[in-house]
Amino acid sequence: MRRNQALHAAALALPEEERADLAIDLIDSLDGPAEEGVEEAWAVEIDARVTAWRAGQAEVIPFEAAVTAARERLKARHG
């Protein structure tokens, strides 16, 4: 039996959007502070990707295809 069974049950009873918000908050609480320079590095990466996309130099696939491929990779890993 779970130590916090009542808390767990209450969390699962929340509406979907509130469960998602709670999940994000819980995950964020485990991550700790971001390393210095991470935000700036991501900004540079995003700018480079947008520039490549605008120049027609990036391979672009539809969202649905990306999700399907990701699910297949996860299924292959975890059965």
C-alpha atoms as a PDB file:
ATOM      1  CA  MET A   1       0.000   0.000   0.000  1.00  0.00           C
ATOM      2  CA  ARG A   2       1.270   3.463  -0.830  1.00  0.00           C
ATOM      3  CA  ARG A   3       2.292   5.676   2.030  1.00  0.00           C
ATOM      4  CA  ASN A   4       0.444   8.637   0.527  1.00  0.00           C
ATOM      5  CA  GLN A   5      -2.434   6.691  -1.013  1.00  0.00           C
ATOM      6  CA  ALA A   6      -5.006   9.419  -0.241  1.00  0.00           C
ATOM      7  CA  LEU A   7      -2.803  12.081  -1.828  1.00  0.00           C
ATOM      8  CA  HIS A   8      -2.218   9.874  -4.864  1.00  0.00           C
ATOM      9  CA  ALA A   9      -5.949   9.218  -5.253  1.00  0.00           C
ATOM     10  CA  ALA A  10      -6.742  12.914  -4.913  1.00  0.00           C
ATOM     11  CA  ALA A  11      -4.164  13.803  -7.559  1.00  0.00           C
ATOM     12  CA  LEU A  12      -5.590  11.237  -9.983  1.00  0.00           C
ATOM     13  CA  ALA A  13      -9.081  12.607  -9.398  1.00  0.00           C
ATOM     14  CA  LEU A  14      -8.069  16.067 -10.611  1.00  0.00           C
ATOM     15  CA  PRO A  15      -9.228  17.215 -14.052  1.00  0.00           C
ATOM     16  CA  GLU A  16      -6.737  16.478 -16.840  1.00  0.00           C
ATOM     17  CA  GLU A  17      -5.401  20.030 -17.124  1.00  0.00           C
ATOM     18  CA  GLU A  18      -4.798  20.265 -13.369  1.00  0.00           C
ATOM     19  CA  ARG A  19      -3.061  16.851 -13.367  1.00  0.00           C
ATOM     20  CA  ALA A  20      -0.806  18.063 -16.187  1.00  0.00           C
ATOM     21  CA  ASP A  21       0.037  21.235 -14.252  1.00  0.00           C
ATOM     22  CA  LEU A  22       0.777  19.165 -11.142  1.00  0.00           C
ATOM     23  CA  ALA A  23       2.974  16.773 -13.135  1.00  0.00           C
ATOM     24  CA  ILE A  24       4.988  19.675 -14.549  1.00  0.00           C
ATOM     25  CA  ASP A  25       5.409  21.172 -11.079  1.00  0.00           C
ATOM     26  CA  LEU A  26       6.545  17.826  -9.638  1.00  0.00           C
ATOM     27  CA  ILE A  27       9.041  17.232 -12.438  1.00  0.00           C
ATOM     28  CA  ASP A  28      10.357  20.778 -12.102  1.00  0.00           C
ATOM     29  CA  SER A  29      10.845  20.203  -8.379  1.00  0.00           C
ATOM     30  CA  LEU A  30      13.156  17.268  -9.173  1.00  0.00           C
ATOM     31  CA  ASP A  31      15.249  19.051 -11.769  1.00  0.00           C
ATOM     32  CA  GLY A  32      16.920  21.617  -9.560  1.00  0.00           C
ATOM     33  CA  PRO A  33      18.316  24.846 -10.917  1.00  0.00           C
ATOM     34  CA  ALA A  34      19.383  25.007 -14.549  1.00  0.00           C
ATOM     35  CA  GLU A  35      23.080  25.097 -15.252  1.00  0.00           C
ATOM     36  CA  GLU A  36      24.488  28.501 -16.050  1.00  0.00           C
ATOM     37  CA  GLY A  37      24.297  29.313 -19.741  1.00  0.00           C
ATOM     38  CA  VAL A  38      21.647  26.708 -20.609  1.00  0.00           C
ATOM     39  CA  GLU A  39      18.940  29.247 -21.436  1.00  0.00           C
ATOM     40  CA  GLU A  40      21.307  31.210 -23.654  1.00  0.00           C
ATOM     41  CA  ALA A  41      22.525  28.050 -25.392  1.00  0.00           C
ATOM     42  CA  TRP A  42      18.938  27.025 -26.169  1.00  0.00           C
ATOM     43  CA  ALA A  43      18.176  30.516 -27.520  1.00  0.00           C
ATOM     44  CA  VAL A  44      21.174  30.253 -29.883  1.00  0.00           C
ATOM     45  CA  GLU A  45      20.097  26.748 -30.974  1.00  0.00           C
ATOM     46  CA  ILE A  46      16.516  27.854 -31.612  1.00  0.00           C
ATOM     47  CA  ASP A  47      17.691  30.841 -33.654  1.00  0.00           C
ATOM     48  CA  ALA A  48      19.957  28.566 -35.731  1.00  0.00           C
ATOM     49  CA  ARG A  49      17.132  26.112 -36.375  1.00  0.00           C
ATOM     50  CA  VAL A  50      14.681  28.846 -37.366  1.00  0.00           C
ATOM     51  CA  THR A  51      17.284  30.379 -39.685  1.00  0.00           C
ATOM     52  CA  ALA A  52      17.923  26.982 -41.312  1.00  0.00           C
ATOM     53  CA  TRP A  53      14.182  26.367 -41.678  1.00  0.00           C
ATOM     54  CA  ARG A  54      13.595  29.764 -43.282  1.00  0.00           C
ATOM     55  CA  ALA A  55      16.468  29.126 -45.693  1.00  0.00           C
ATOM     56  CA  GLY A  56      14.994  25.761 -46.676  1.00  0.00           C
ATOM     57  CA  GLN A  57      17.966  23.917 -45.199  1.00  0.00           C
ATOM     58  CA  ALA A  58      16.130  21.996 -42.481  1.00  0.00           C
ATOM     59  CA  GLU A  59      14.381  18.670 -42.807  1.00  0.00           C
ATOM     60  CA  VAL A  60      10.802  19.238 -41.686  1.00  0.00           C
ATOM     61  CA  ILE A  61       8.379  16.445 -40.925  1.00  0.00           C
ATOM     62  CA  PRO A  62       4.703  16.707 -39.943  1.00  0.00           C
ATOM     63  CA  PHE A  63       3.961  16.675 -36.217  1.00  0.00           C
ATOM     64  CA  GLU A  64       1.927  13.464 -36.482  1.00  0.00           C
ATOM     65  CA  ALA A  65       4.824  11.682 -38.184  1.00  0.00           C
ATOM     66  CA  ALA A  66       7.240  12.848 -35.473  1.00  0.00           C
ATOM     67  CA  VAL A  67       4.931  11.621 -32.700  1.00  0.00           C
ATOM     68  CA  THR A  68       4.430   8.266 -34.434  1.00  0.00           C
ATOM     69  CA  ALA A  69       8.190   7.812 -34.851  1.00  0.00           C
ATOM     70  CA  ALA A  70       8.835   8.730 -31.208  1.00  0.00           C
ATOM     71  CA  ARG A  71       6.190   6.277 -29.997  1.00  0.00           C
ATOM     72  CA  GLU A  72       7.669   3.516 -32.143  1.00  0.00           C
ATOM     73  CA  ARG A  73      11.153   4.152 -30.737  1.00  0.00           C
ATOM     74  CA  LEU A  74       9.805   4.083 -27.165  1.00  0.00           C
ATOM     75  CA  LYS A  75       7.851   0.899 -27.839  1.00  0.00           C
ATOM     76  CA  ALA A  76      10.967  -0.743 -29.295  1.00  0.00           C
ATOM     77  CA  ARG A  77      12.939   0.184 -26.180  1.00  0.00           C
ATOM     78  CA  HIS A  78      10.353  -0.745 -23.589  1.00  0.00           C
ATOM     79  CA  GLY A  79       8.378  -3.438 -25.354  1.00  0.00           C
END
